[in-house]
Amino acid sequence: MVRWWRTNMDRTGLGAGQIAGLFLCAMIFIPEGAPASLPAQRRAAGNWEVTRFGNDLVIEHKPHMRSSAERAAAIVQMARRRFYALADTSFPFEIRVLLASSATEFARLTRGIVPDWGAAAAVPDEGLMIISGLSEEKPMSEAIYHEVAHVALHALSRGPVPRWFDEGIAMRLSDEWSIAYSVRLARSALANRLLPLHSVERVLSFEREQAALAYAVSFAAVRWFEKRHGDRALALLLRSLASHSFDEAFVRATGSDSESFEREWLRSARNSYALVGLADDMWIWSILIPGLFFLALGVRWWRNRRTLARWKREDRDSSGSDEPLDEHVSETY
């Protein structure tokens, strides 16, 4: 259940250890029904409305953000259903959303703990999501899908899960992969700078580019898990988290331990993505393609020289005999 904050205090009580996840993705939404509004409450930083959508979703927002709140509610429910499908199960959990009306308000609500590249945050043990409804970083739908995954995974799990799995599932749910992530992974592998999965635990301390690489690594590992063990194994792993630790659930779903998986994934990623990186690296191709062109010209020039030399030898051989043809012919009949 959500632990409600005191209503007349500034919403800046988040500790550094509580901020759990950040954003990403874009989905089409369809509003579903009209919400029932609760009485507005006075906040230290202005008026806030508290709107309940059904029994398991509450969104707090400024009065002028009411349409955004309805939009957010529809997206939250779609994201919830997608998580149920991914885990092949359903379970009740409440979500509470603070919908910030500006980047400044978002920073205030999160006490500046979220890096400047973040557009949303989750406090999973409170079922709380803080979304920047007007973020220039990411669309609201993208952020909501990502954060719902964090909250749902926490609600499902008996204990903690590794950060790489948490972020990988969030990206998997939000379907936010793009070619830019593939390129980033490929170039990191080519330069032997791929992040080990355990290093993703420090993602909130990373700069923007390194954080993007951490998200890419997390998603790639989850996708590799599905490719290797199948989507049913992923669903079994998720369901098993309700009654087992992550390591126990991992063994139950795959027959092997998670540490072995991390080592195998890193080895596989270094090999496969390095080849992609070589093919994609424009700096290399900017040298290689002209080099191949001039090499082809050189080979052709050398072959032409050999052909000309052969023709000259044949001309000299044929000009060595000037006797009339009829002297070599005894009879023609």
C-alpha atoms as a PDB file:
ATOM      1  CA  MET A   1       0.000   0.000   0.000  1.00  0.00           C
ATOM      2  CA  VAL A   2       1.003   3.569  -0.564  1.00  0.00           C
ATOM      3  CA  ARG A   3       2.224   5.405   2.505  1.00  0.00           C
ATOM      4  CA  TRP A   4       0.600   8.850   2.163  1.00  0.00           C
ATOM      5  CA  TRP A   5       2.692  11.889   2.921  1.00  0.00           C
ATOM      6  CA  ARG A   6       1.353  14.594   5.200  1.00  0.00           C
ATOM      7  CA  THR A   7      -0.852  16.809   3.073  1.00  0.00           C
ATOM      8  CA  ASN A   8       0.346  20.232   4.152  1.00  0.00           C
ATOM      9  CA  MET A   9       4.063  19.724   3.742  1.00  0.00           C
ATOM     10  CA  ASP A  10       6.363  20.436   0.861  1.00  0.00           C
ATOM     11  CA  ARG A  11       6.831  17.233  -1.147  1.00  0.00           C
ATOM     12  CA  THR A  12      10.574  17.062  -0.872  1.00  0.00           C
ATOM     13  CA  GLY A  13      11.023  14.189   1.571  1.00  0.00           C
ATOM     14  CA  LEU A  14      12.678  11.686  -0.786  1.00  0.00           C
ATOM     15  CA  GLY A  15      15.939  10.208   0.390  1.00  0.00           C
ATOM     16  CA  ALA A  16      18.804   9.372  -1.984  1.00  0.00           C
ATOM     17  CA  GLY A  17      18.349   5.673  -1.416  1.00  0.00           C
ATOM     18  CA  GLN A  18      14.650   5.846  -2.358  1.00  0.00           C
ATOM     19  CA  ILE A  19      14.933   7.135  -5.896  1.00  0.00           C
ATOM     20  CA  ALA A  20      14.853   3.937  -7.867  1.00  0.00           C
ATOM     21  CA  GLY A  21      14.551   4.387 -11.580  1.00  0.00           C
ATOM     22  CA  LEU A  22      14.389   6.706 -14.505  1.00  0.00           C
ATOM     23  CA  PHE A  23      12.589   7.022 -17.793  1.00  0.00           C
ATOM     24  CA  LEU A  24      12.284   6.167 -21.565  1.00  0.00           C
ATOM     25  CA  CYS A  25       9.700   5.109 -24.667  1.00  0.00           C
ATOM     26  CA  ALA A  26       6.631   6.228 -26.671  1.00  0.00           C
ATOM     27  CA  MET A  27       3.209   4.593 -26.886  1.00  0.00           C
ATOM     28  CA  ILE A  28      -0.236   5.601 -28.131  1.00  0.00           C
ATOM     29  CA  PHE A  29      -2.781   6.063 -25.391  1.00  0.00           C
ATOM     30  CA  ILE A  30      -6.583   6.022 -25.255  1.00  0.00           C
ATOM     31  CA  PRO A  31      -8.323   7.648 -22.286  1.00  0.00           C
ATOM     32  CA  GLU A  32     -10.602   5.225 -20.496  1.00  0.00           C
ATOM     33  CA  GLY A  33     -13.602   6.719 -18.752  1.00  0.00           C
ATOM     34  CA  ALA A  34     -14.017   9.777 -16.597  1.00  0.00           C
ATOM     35  CA  PRO A  35     -12.283   9.886 -13.208  1.00  0.00           C
ATOM     36  CA  ALA A  36     -13.871  10.710  -9.884  1.00  0.00           C
ATOM     37  CA  SER A  37     -12.188  13.784  -8.397  1.00  0.00           C
ATOM     38  CA  LEU A  38     -11.346  13.955  -4.726  1.00  0.00           C
ATOM     39  CA  PRO A  39     -11.378  17.235  -2.795  1.00  0.00           C
ATOM     40  CA  ALA A  40      -8.452  19.466  -3.655  1.00  0.00           C
ATOM     41  CA  GLN A  41      -5.755  19.811  -1.007  1.00  0.00           C
ATOM     42  CA  ARG A  42      -3.519  22.784  -0.325  1.00  0.00           C
ATOM     43  CA  ARG A  43       0.170  22.182  -0.952  1.00  0.00           C
ATOM     44  CA  ALA A  44       3.087  24.277   0.208  1.00  0.00           C
ATOM     45  CA  ALA A  45       3.969  25.072  -3.398  1.00  0.00           C
ATOM     46  CA  GLY A  46       0.440  25.754  -4.638  1.00  0.00           C
ATOM     47  CA  ASN A  47      -2.907  24.036  -5.203  1.00  0.00           C
ATOM     48  CA  TRP A  48      -2.936  20.323  -5.961  1.00  0.00           C
ATOM     49  CA  GLU A  49      -5.844  18.135  -6.979  1.00  0.00           C
ATOM     50  CA  VAL A  50      -5.977  14.481  -5.990  1.00  0.00           C
ATOM     51  CA  THR A  51      -7.829  12.327  -8.518  1.00  0.00           C
ATOM     52  CA  ARG A  52      -8.549   8.637  -8.027  1.00  0.00           C
ATOM     53  CA  PHE A  53      -8.897   6.350 -11.029  1.00  0.00           C
ATOM     54  CA  GLY A  54     -10.515   3.137  -9.835  1.00  0.00           C
ATOM     55  CA  ASN A  55      -9.243   1.398  -6.718  1.00  0.00           C
ATOM     56  CA  ASP A  56      -5.556   1.149  -7.544  1.00  0.00           C
ATOM     57  CA  LEU A  57      -4.446   4.457  -9.047  1.00  0.00           C
ATOM     58  CA  VAL A  58      -4.209   7.971  -7.601  1.00  0.00           C
ATOM     59  CA  ILE A  59      -2.765  10.919  -9.503  1.00  0.00           C
ATOM     60  CA  GLU A  60      -1.946  14.245  -7.851  1.00  0.00           C
ATOM     61  CA  HIS A  61      -1.649  17.212 -10.178  1.00  0.00           C
ATOM     62  CA  LYS A  62      -2.144  20.948 -10.544  1.00  0.00           C
ATOM     63  CA  PRO A  63      -5.642  22.010 -11.685  1.00  0.00           C
ATOM     64  CA  HIS A  64      -4.472  22.951 -15.182  1.00  0.00           C
ATOM     65  CA  MET A  65      -2.941  19.468 -15.597  1.00  0.00           C
ATOM     66  CA  ARG A  66      -6.267  17.608 -15.294  1.00  0.00           C
ATOM     67  CA  SER A  67      -6.313  16.460 -18.924  1.00  0.00           C
ATOM     68  CA  SER A  68      -2.696  15.328 -18.572  1.00  0.00           C
ATOM     69  CA  ALA A  69      -3.692  13.366 -15.474  1.00  0.00           C
ATOM     70  CA  GLU A  70      -6.444  11.569 -17.401  1.00  0.00           C
ATOM     71  CA  ARG A  71      -3.972  10.812 -20.163  1.00  0.00           C
ATOM     72  CA  ALA A  72      -1.423   9.553 -17.642  1.00  0.00           C
ATOM     73  CA  ALA A  73      -4.034   7.303 -16.012  1.00  0.00           C
ATOM     74  CA  ALA A  74      -4.816   5.596 -19.308  1.00  0.00           C
ATOM     75  CA  ILE A  75      -1.134   4.987 -19.959  1.00  0.00           C
ATOM     76  CA  VAL A  76      -0.557   3.637 -16.445  1.00  0.00           C
ATOM     77  CA  GLN A  77      -3.322   1.072 -16.872  1.00  0.00           C
ATOM     78  CA  MET A  78      -1.994  -0.027 -20.265  1.00  0.00           C
ATOM     79  CA  ALA A  79       1.481  -0.380 -18.806  1.00  0.00           C
ATOM     80  CA  ARG A  80       0.084  -2.403 -15.907  1.00  0.00           C
ATOM     81  CA  ARG A  81      -1.607  -4.820 -18.328  1.00  0.00           C
ATOM     82  CA  ARG A  82       1.562  -5.140 -20.365  1.00  0.00           C
ATOM     83  CA  PHE A  83       3.525  -6.104 -17.262  1.00  0.00           C
ATOM     84  CA  TYR A  84       0.916  -8.733 -16.387  1.00  0.00           C
ATOM     85  CA  ALA A  85       1.303 -10.172 -19.897  1.00  0.00           C
ATOM     86  CA  LEU A  86       5.092 -10.180 -19.642  1.00  0.00           C
ATOM     87  CA  ALA A  87       5.012 -12.051 -16.317  1.00  0.00           C
ATOM     88  CA  ASP A  88       2.008 -14.160 -17.345  1.00  0.00           C
ATOM     89  CA  THR A  89       0.307 -13.361 -14.049  1.00  0.00           C
ATOM     90  CA  SER A  90      -1.683 -10.623 -12.338  1.00  0.00           C
ATOM     91  CA  PHE A  91      -1.630  -9.238  -8.821  1.00  0.00           C
ATOM     92  CA  PRO A  92      -3.049  -6.156  -7.086  1.00  0.00           C
ATOM     93  CA  PHE A  93      -0.816  -3.178  -6.401  1.00  0.00           C
ATOM     94  CA  GLU A  94      -1.553   0.498  -5.970  1.00  0.00           C
ATOM     95  CA  ILE A  95       0.200   3.233  -7.901  1.00  0.00           C
ATOM     96  CA  ARG A  96       0.380   6.862  -6.858  1.00  0.00           C
ATOM     97  CA  VAL A  97       1.593   9.455  -9.344  1.00  0.00           C
ATOM     98  CA  LEU A  98       2.812  12.989  -8.715  1.00  0.00           C
ATOM     99  CA  LEU A  99       2.486  14.807 -12.015  1.00  0.00           C
ATOM    100  CA  ALA A 100       4.928  17.720 -12.097  1.00  0.00           C
ATOM    101  CA  SER A 101       3.922  20.654 -14.270  1.00  0.00           C
ATOM    102  CA  SER A 102       7.455  21.828 -14.996  1.00  0.00           C
ATOM    103  CA  ALA A 103      11.089  20.783 -14.814  1.00  0.00           C
ATOM    104  CA  THR A 104      11.531  23.078 -11.829  1.00  0.00           C
ATOM    105  CA  GLU A 105       8.679  21.437  -9.973  1.00  0.00           C
ATOM    106  CA  PHE A 106      10.000  17.987 -10.844  1.00  0.00           C
ATOM    107  CA  ALA A 107      13.400  18.930  -9.402  1.00  0.00           C
ATOM    108  CA  ARG A 108      11.704  20.200  -6.248  1.00  0.00           C
ATOM    109  CA  LEU A 109       9.632  17.062  -5.800  1.00  0.00           C
ATOM    110  CA  THR A 110      12.731  14.870  -6.162  1.00  0.00           C
ATOM    111  CA  ARG A 111      14.951  17.252  -4.171  1.00  0.00           C
ATOM    112  CA  GLY A 112      17.355  17.388  -7.124  1.00  0.00           C
ATOM    113  CA  ILE A 113      18.428  13.790  -6.538  1.00  0.00           C
ATOM    114  CA  VAL A 114      17.505  12.685 -10.057  1.00  0.00           C
ATOM    115  CA  PRO A 115      20.277  13.555 -12.578  1.00  0.00           C
ATOM    116  CA  ASP A 116      19.627  16.259 -15.146  1.00  0.00           C
ATOM    117  CA  TRP A 117      19.094  13.597 -17.811  1.00  0.00           C
ATOM    118  CA  GLY A 118      16.151  12.109 -15.877  1.00  0.00           C
ATOM    119  CA  ALA A 119      12.499  12.855 -16.664  1.00  0.00           C
ATOM    120  CA  ALA A 120      10.834  10.573 -14.121  1.00  0.00           C
ATOM    121  CA  ALA A 121      11.529   8.685 -10.922  1.00  0.00           C
ATOM    122  CA  ALA A 122       9.985   5.899  -8.873  1.00  0.00           C
ATOM    123  CA  VAL A 123       9.925   5.087  -5.187  1.00  0.00           C
ATOM    124  CA  PRO A 124       8.847   1.451  -5.562  1.00  0.00           C
ATOM    125  CA  ASP A 125       8.410   0.622  -1.882  1.00  0.00           C
ATOM    126  CA  GLU A 126       5.790   3.394  -1.729  1.00  0.00           C
ATOM    127  CA  GLY A 127       4.227   2.607  -5.094  1.00  0.00           C
ATOM    128  CA  LEU A 128       5.096   6.185  -6.009  1.00  0.00           C
ATOM    129  CA  MET A 129       5.974   7.605  -9.412  1.00  0.00           C
ATOM    130  CA  ILE A 130       7.038  11.206 -10.058  1.00  0.00           C
ATOM    131  CA  ILE A 131       6.527  12.193 -13.678  1.00  0.00           C
ATOM    132  CA  SER A 132       7.429  15.400 -15.448  1.00  0.00           C
ATOM    133  CA  GLY A 133       4.298  15.916 -17.517  1.00  0.00           C
ATOM    134  CA  LEU A 134       5.905  18.573 -19.721  1.00  0.00           C
ATOM    135  CA  SER A 135       9.416  17.126 -19.945  1.00  0.00           C
ATOM    136  CA  GLU A 136      11.566  17.956 -22.948  1.00  0.00           C
ATOM    137  CA  GLU A 137      13.717  14.885 -22.231  1.00  0.00           C
ATOM    138  CA  LYS A 138      11.182  12.141 -22.889  1.00  0.00           C
ATOM    139  CA  PRO A 139       7.476  11.851 -23.772  1.00  0.00           C
ATOM    140  CA  MET A 140       5.227  11.276 -20.764  1.00  0.00           C
ATOM    141  CA  SER A 141       4.076   7.904 -22.112  1.00  0.00           C
ATOM    142  CA  GLU A 142       7.664   6.735 -22.384  1.00  0.00           C
ATOM    143  CA  ALA A 143       8.398   7.698 -18.806  1.00  0.00           C
ATOM    144  CA  ILE A 144       5.248   6.128 -17.407  1.00  0.00           C
ATOM    145  CA  TYR A 145       5.783   2.709 -18.971  1.00  0.00           C
ATOM    146  CA  HIS A 146       9.316   2.663 -17.614  1.00  0.00           C
ATOM    147  CA  GLU A 147       8.353   3.652 -14.087  1.00  0.00           C
ATOM    148  CA  VAL A 148       5.325   1.352 -13.902  1.00  0.00           C
ATOM    149  CA  ALA A 149       7.728  -1.523 -14.565  1.00  0.00           C
ATOM    150  CA  HIS A 150       9.822  -0.509 -11.548  1.00  0.00           C
ATOM    151  CA  VAL A 151       6.798  -0.274  -9.271  1.00  0.00           C
ATOM    152  CA  ALA A 152       5.223  -3.497 -10.556  1.00  0.00           C
ATOM    153  CA  LEU A 153       8.462  -5.473 -10.286  1.00  0.00           C
ATOM    154  CA  HIS A 154       8.927  -4.293  -6.724  1.00  0.00           C
ATOM    155  CA  ALA A 155       5.327  -5.155  -5.833  1.00  0.00           C
ATOM    156  CA  LEU A 156       5.765  -8.632  -7.308  1.00  0.00           C
ATOM    157  CA  SER A 157       9.177  -9.429  -5.817  1.00  0.00           C
ATOM    158  CA  ARG A 158       9.787 -10.874  -2.372  1.00  0.00           C
ATOM    159  CA  GLY A 159      13.222  -9.269  -2.169  1.00  0.00           C
ATOM    160  CA  PRO A 160      15.583  -6.990  -4.103  1.00  0.00           C
ATOM    161  CA  VAL A 161      16.546  -7.627  -7.714  1.00  0.00           C
ATOM    162  CA  PRO A 162      19.777  -6.559  -9.468  1.00  0.00           C
ATOM    163  CA  ARG A 163      19.633  -3.112 -10.970  1.00  0.00           C
ATOM    164  CA  TRP A 164      20.465  -4.375 -14.474  1.00  0.00           C
ATOM    165  CA  PHE A 165      17.430  -6.667 -14.385  1.00  0.00           C
ATOM    166  CA  ASP A 166      15.216  -3.932 -12.968  1.00  0.00           C
ATOM    167  CA  GLU A 167      16.228  -1.444 -15.671  1.00  0.00           C
ATOM    168  CA  GLY A 168      16.235  -4.098 -18.402  1.00  0.00           C
ATOM    169  CA  ILE A 169      12.661  -5.113 -17.588  1.00  0.00           C
ATOM    170  CA  ALA A 170      11.644  -1.438 -17.504  1.00  0.00           C
ATOM    171  CA  MET A 171      13.090  -0.885 -20.966  1.00  0.00           C
ATOM    172  CA  ARG A 172      11.579  -4.139 -22.168  1.00  0.00           C
ATOM    173  CA  LEU A 173       8.141  -3.078 -20.962  1.00  0.00           C
ATOM    174  CA  SER A 174       8.410   0.392 -22.468  1.00  0.00           C
ATOM    175  CA  ASP A 175       9.784  -0.983 -25.739  1.00  0.00           C
ATOM    176  CA  GLU A 176      12.077   2.010 -25.987  1.00  0.00           C
ATOM    177  CA  TRP A 177      15.002   0.452 -27.822  1.00  0.00           C
ATOM    178  CA  SER A 178      16.407   2.411 -30.747  1.00  0.00           C
ATOM    179  CA  ILE A 179      19.276   2.114 -33.202  1.00  0.00           C
ATOM    180  CA  ALA A 180      21.181   4.657 -31.115  1.00  0.00           C
ATOM    181  CA  TYR A 181      21.447   2.130 -28.282  1.00  0.00           C
ATOM    182  CA  SER A 182      22.742  -0.528 -30.689  1.00  0.00           C
ATOM    183  CA  VAL A 183      25.369   1.864 -31.989  1.00  0.00           C
ATOM    184  CA  ARG A 184      26.372   2.829 -28.439  1.00  0.00           C
ATOM    185  CA  LEU A 185      26.753  -0.838 -27.450  1.00  0.00           C
ATOM    186  CA  ALA A 186      28.675  -1.657 -30.611  1.00  0.00           C
ATOM    187  CA  ARG A 187      31.186   1.134 -30.230  1.00  0.00           C
ATOM    188  CA  SER A 188      31.685   0.356 -26.551  1.00  0.00           C
ATOM    189  CA  ALA A 189      32.329  -3.292 -27.379  1.00  0.00           C
ATOM    190  CA  LEU A 190      34.751  -2.321 -30.139  1.00  0.00           C
ATOM    191  CA  ALA A 191      36.663  -0.118 -27.680  1.00  0.00           C
ATOM    192  CA  ASN A 192      36.454  -2.836 -24.981  1.00  0.00           C
ATOM    193  CA  ARG A 193      34.446  -0.506 -22.719  1.00  0.00           C
ATOM    194  CA  LEU A 194      31.259  -2.520 -22.270  1.00  0.00           C
ATOM    195  CA  LEU A 195      29.900  -2.176 -18.737  1.00  0.00           C
ATOM    196  CA  PRO A 196      29.634  -5.350 -16.635  1.00  0.00           C
ATOM    197  CA  LEU A 197      26.067  -5.862 -15.462  1.00  0.00           C
ATOM    198  CA  HIS A 198      26.920  -5.380 -11.788  1.00  0.00           C
ATOM    199  CA  SER A 199      28.197  -1.851 -12.522  1.00  0.00           C
ATOM    200  CA  VAL A 200      24.645  -0.759 -13.447  1.00  0.00           C
ATOM    201  CA  GLU A 201      23.980  -0.540  -9.690  1.00  0.00           C
ATOM    202  CA  ARG A 202      25.702   2.888  -9.798  1.00  0.00           C
ATOM    203  CA  VAL A 203      23.681   4.255 -12.733  1.00  0.00           C
ATOM    204  CA  LEU A 204      22.361   7.303 -10.873  1.00  0.00           C
ATOM    205  CA  SER A 205      25.924   8.514 -10.385  1.00  0.00           C
ATOM    206  CA  PHE A 206      26.718   8.240 -14.112  1.00  0.00           C
ATOM    207  CA  GLU A 207      26.926  11.064 -16.609  1.00  0.00           C
ATOM    208  CA  ARG A 208      24.366  11.115 -19.418  1.00  0.00           C
ATOM    209  CA  GLU A 209      26.335   9.050 -21.963  1.00  0.00           C
ATOM    210  CA  GLN A 210      27.478   6.433 -19.478  1.00  0.00           C
ATOM    211  CA  ALA A 211      23.948   6.183 -18.080  1.00  0.00           C
ATOM    212  CA  ALA A 212      22.586   5.607 -21.580  1.00  0.00           C
ATOM    213  CA  LEU A 213      25.146   2.826 -21.998  1.00  0.00           C
ATOM    214  CA  ALA A 214      24.051   1.307 -18.674  1.00  0.00           C
ATOM    215  CA  TYR A 215      20.428   1.242 -19.858  1.00  0.00           C
ATOM    216  CA  ALA A 216      21.490  -0.257 -23.175  1.00  0.00           C
ATOM    217  CA  VAL A 217      23.501  -2.968 -21.410  1.00  0.00           C
ATOM    218  CA  SER A 218      20.543  -3.760 -19.133  1.00  0.00           C
ATOM    219  CA  PHE A 219      18.074  -4.099 -21.979  1.00  0.00           C
ATOM    220  CA  ALA A 220      20.501  -6.116 -24.106  1.00  0.00           C
ATOM    221  CA  ALA A 221      21.050  -8.561 -21.239  1.00  0.00           C
ATOM    222  CA  VAL A 222      17.304  -9.095 -20.751  1.00  0.00           C
ATOM    223  CA  ARG A 223      16.813  -9.620 -24.489  1.00  0.00           C
ATOM    224  CA  TRP A 224      19.736 -12.061 -24.565  1.00  0.00           C
ATOM    225  CA  PHE A 225      18.084 -13.908 -21.679  1.00  0.00           C
ATOM    226  CA  GLU A 226      14.892 -14.222 -23.733  1.00  0.00           C
ATOM    227  CA  LYS A 227      16.810 -15.307 -26.840  1.00  0.00           C
ATOM    228  CA  ARG A 228      18.710 -17.950 -24.923  1.00  0.00           C
ATOM    229  CA  HIS A 229      16.019 -19.254 -22.549  1.00  0.00           C
ATOM    230  CA  GLY A 230      12.779 -18.087 -24.155  1.00  0.00           C
ATOM    231  CA  ASP A 231      10.011 -15.721 -23.101  1.00  0.00           C
ATOM    232  CA  ARG A 232       8.432 -18.435 -20.980  1.00  0.00           C
ATOM    233  CA  ALA A 233      11.594 -18.591 -18.881  1.00  0.00           C
ATOM    234  CA  LEU A 234      11.437 -14.826 -18.387  1.00  0.00           C
ATOM    235  CA  ALA A 235       7.817 -15.081 -17.265  1.00  0.00           C
ATOM    236  CA  LEU A 236       8.741 -17.935 -14.901  1.00  0.00           C
ATOM    237  CA  LEU A 237      11.601 -15.886 -13.482  1.00  0.00           C
ATOM    238  CA  LEU A 238       9.278 -12.946 -12.841  1.00  0.00           C
ATOM    239  CA  ARG A 239       6.603 -15.089 -11.224  1.00  0.00           C
ATOM    240  CA  SER A 240       9.177 -16.912  -9.102  1.00  0.00           C
ATOM    241  CA  LEU A 241      10.302 -13.617  -7.597  1.00  0.00           C
ATOM    242  CA  ALA A 242       7.063 -13.573  -5.611  1.00  0.00           C
ATOM    243  CA  SER A 243       8.277 -16.460  -3.452  1.00  0.00           C
ATOM    244  CA  HIS A 244      12.031 -16.752  -4.041  1.00  0.00           C
ATOM    245  CA  SER A 245      15.117 -14.548  -3.968  1.00  0.00           C
ATOM    246  CA  PHE A 246      16.421 -13.385  -7.341  1.00  0.00           C
ATOM    247  CA  ASP A 247      19.231 -15.958  -7.376  1.00  0.00           C
ATOM    248  CA  GLU A 248      16.843 -18.769  -6.465  1.00  0.00           C
ATOM    249  CA  ALA A 249      14.309 -17.616  -9.045  1.00  0.00           C
ATOM    250  CA  PHE A 250      17.011 -17.389 -11.699  1.00  0.00           C
ATOM    251  CA  VAL A 251      18.145 -20.968 -11.088  1.00  0.00           C
ATOM    252  CA  ARG A 252      14.536 -22.115 -11.063  1.00  0.00           C
ATOM    253  CA  ALA A 253      13.869 -20.491 -14.440  1.00  0.00           C
ATOM    254  CA  THR A 254      17.130 -21.368 -16.211  1.00  0.00           C
ATOM    255  CA  GLY A 255      18.919 -24.133 -14.318  1.00  0.00           C
ATOM    256  CA  SER A 256      22.009 -21.940 -13.922  1.00  0.00           C
ATOM    257  CA  ASP A 257      23.032 -19.111 -11.606  1.00  0.00           C
ATOM    258  CA  SER A 258      22.862 -15.419 -12.401  1.00  0.00           C
ATOM    259  CA  GLU A 259      26.597 -14.820 -11.962  1.00  0.00           C
ATOM    260  CA  SER A 260      27.375 -17.330 -14.709  1.00  0.00           C
ATOM    261  CA  PHE A 261      24.798 -15.624 -16.887  1.00  0.00           C
ATOM    262  CA  GLU A 262      26.473 -12.246 -16.358  1.00  0.00           C
ATOM    263  CA  ARG A 263      29.880 -13.609 -17.388  1.00  0.00           C
ATOM    264  CA  GLU A 264      28.494 -15.412 -20.426  1.00  0.00           C
ATOM    265  CA  TRP A 265      26.493 -12.402 -21.546  1.00  0.00           C
ATOM    266  CA  LEU A 266      29.493 -10.082 -21.310  1.00  0.00           C
ATOM    267  CA  ARG A 267      31.658 -12.478 -23.308  1.00  0.00           C
ATOM    268  CA  SER A 268      28.980 -12.896 -25.957  1.00  0.00           C
ATOM    269  CA  ALA A 269      28.250  -9.161 -26.132  1.00  0.00           C
ATOM    270  CA  ARG A 270      31.902  -8.263 -26.557  1.00  0.00           C
ATOM    271  CA  ASN A 271      32.205 -10.592 -29.519  1.00  0.00           C
ATOM    272  CA  SER A 272      28.907  -9.917 -31.282  1.00  0.00           C
ATOM    273  CA  TYR A 273      28.655  -6.167 -30.733  1.00  0.00           C
ATOM    274  CA  ALA A 274      32.306  -5.586 -31.613  1.00  0.00           C
ATOM    275  CA  LEU A 275      31.598  -6.869 -35.124  1.00  0.00           C
ATOM    276  CA  VAL A 276      28.576  -4.587 -35.380  1.00  0.00           C
ATOM    277  CA  GLY A 277      30.687  -1.711 -34.126  1.00  0.00           C
ATOM    278  CA  LEU A 278      33.330  -2.361 -36.748  1.00  0.00           C
ATOM    279  CA  ALA A 279      30.689  -2.344 -39.458  1.00  0.00           C
ATOM    280  CA  ASP A 280      29.068   0.799 -38.104  1.00  0.00           C
ATOM    281  CA  ASP A 281      32.105   2.886 -37.230  1.00  0.00           C
ATOM    282  CA  MET A 282      32.048   5.720 -39.771  1.00  0.00           C
ATOM    283  CA  TRP A 283      35.589   6.764 -38.947  1.00  0.00           C
ATOM    284  CA  ILE A 284      36.894   3.361 -39.956  1.00  0.00           C
ATOM    285  CA  TRP A 285      34.794   3.263 -43.102  1.00  0.00           C
ATOM    286  CA  SER A 286      35.873   6.784 -44.063  1.00  0.00           C
ATOM    287  CA  ILE A 287      39.390   5.386 -44.339  1.00  0.00           C
ATOM    288  CA  LEU A 288      38.592   1.852 -45.450  1.00  0.00           C
ATOM    289  CA  ILE A 289      36.300   2.649 -48.374  1.00  0.00           C
ATOM    290  CA  PRO A 290      38.696   5.093 -50.119  1.00  0.00           C
ATOM    291  CA  GLY A 291      41.511   2.665 -49.367  1.00  0.00           C
ATOM    292  CA  LEU A 292      39.636  -0.194 -51.026  1.00  0.00           C
ATOM    293  CA  PHE A 293      38.844   2.044 -53.995  1.00  0.00           C
ATOM    294  CA  PHE A 294      42.479   2.947 -54.600  1.00  0.00           C
ATOM    295  CA  LEU A 295      43.533  -0.650 -54.014  1.00  0.00           C
ATOM    296  CA  ALA A 296      41.097  -1.745 -56.728  1.00  0.00           C
ATOM    297  CA  LEU A 297      42.520   0.891 -59.084  1.00  0.00           C
ATOM    298  CA  GLY A 298      46.032  -0.350 -58.334  1.00  0.00           C
ATOM    299  CA  VAL A 299      45.111  -3.961 -59.014  1.00  0.00           C
ATOM    300  CA  ARG A 300      43.474  -3.004 -62.296  1.00  0.00           C
ATOM    301  CA  TRP A 301      46.481  -0.929 -63.351  1.00  0.00           C
ATOM    302  CA  TRP A 302      48.814  -3.859 -62.574  1.00  0.00           C
ATOM    303  CA  ARG A 303      46.638  -6.285 -64.536  1.00  0.00           C
ATOM    304  CA  ASN A 304      46.553  -3.890 -67.495  1.00  0.00           C
ATOM    305  CA  ARG A 305      50.338  -3.637 -67.407  1.00  0.00           C
ATOM    306  CA  ARG A 306      50.639  -7.412 -67.493  1.00  0.00           C
ATOM    307  CA  THR A 307      48.211  -7.638 -70.412  1.00  0.00           C
ATOM    308  CA  LEU A 308      50.127  -5.000 -72.417  1.00  0.00           C
ATOM    309  CA  ALA A 309      53.401  -6.786 -71.730  1.00  0.00           C
ATOM    310  CA  ARG A 310      51.914 -10.081 -72.966  1.00  0.00           C
ATOM    311  CA  TRP A 311      50.601  -8.456 -76.124  1.00  0.00           C
ATOM    312  CA  LYS A 312      54.063  -6.976 -76.877  1.00  0.00           C
ATOM    313  CA  ARG A 313      55.685 -10.384 -76.488  1.00  0.00           C
ATOM    314  CA  GLU A 314      53.132 -11.940 -78.848  1.00  0.00           C
ATOM    315  CA  ASP A 315      53.775  -9.158 -81.404  1.00  0.00           C
ATOM    316  CA  ARG A 316      57.525  -9.799 -81.264  1.00  0.00           C
ATOM    317  CA  ASP A 317      57.037 -13.539 -81.691  1.00  0.00           C
ATOM    318  CA  SER A 318      54.692 -13.145 -84.620  1.00  0.00           C
ATOM    319  CA  SER A 319      57.023 -10.682 -86.400  1.00  0.00           C
ATOM    320  CA  GLY A 320      59.987 -13.110 -86.247  1.00  0.00           C
ATOM    321  CA  SER A 321      58.989 -14.899 -89.522  1.00  0.00           C
ATOM    322  CA  ASP A 322      58.489 -12.835 -92.794  1.00  0.00           C
ATOM    323  CA  GLU A 323      58.479 -15.755 -95.329  1.00  0.00           C
ATOM    324  CA  PRO A 324      55.540 -15.939 -97.800  1.00  0.00           C
ATOM    325  CA  LEU A 325      52.726 -18.175 -96.795  1.00  0.00           C
ATOM    326  CA  ASP A 326      52.889 -20.319 -99.981  1.00  0.00           C
ATOM    327  CA  GLU A 327      56.429 -21.496 -99.137  1.00  0.00           C
ATOM    328  CA  HIS A 328      55.093 -23.318 -96.141  1.00  0.00           C
ATOM    329  CA  VAL A 329      52.249 -24.990 -98.007  1.00  0.00           C
ATOM    330  CA  SER A 330      53.024 -28.062-100.213  1.00  0.00           C
ATOM    331  CA  GLU A 331      49.550 -28.679-101.582  1.00  0.00           C
ATOM    332  CA  THR A 332      46.112 -27.326-100.935  1.00  0.00           C
ATOM    333  CA  TYR A 333      44.203 -30.196-102.449  1.00  0.00           C
END
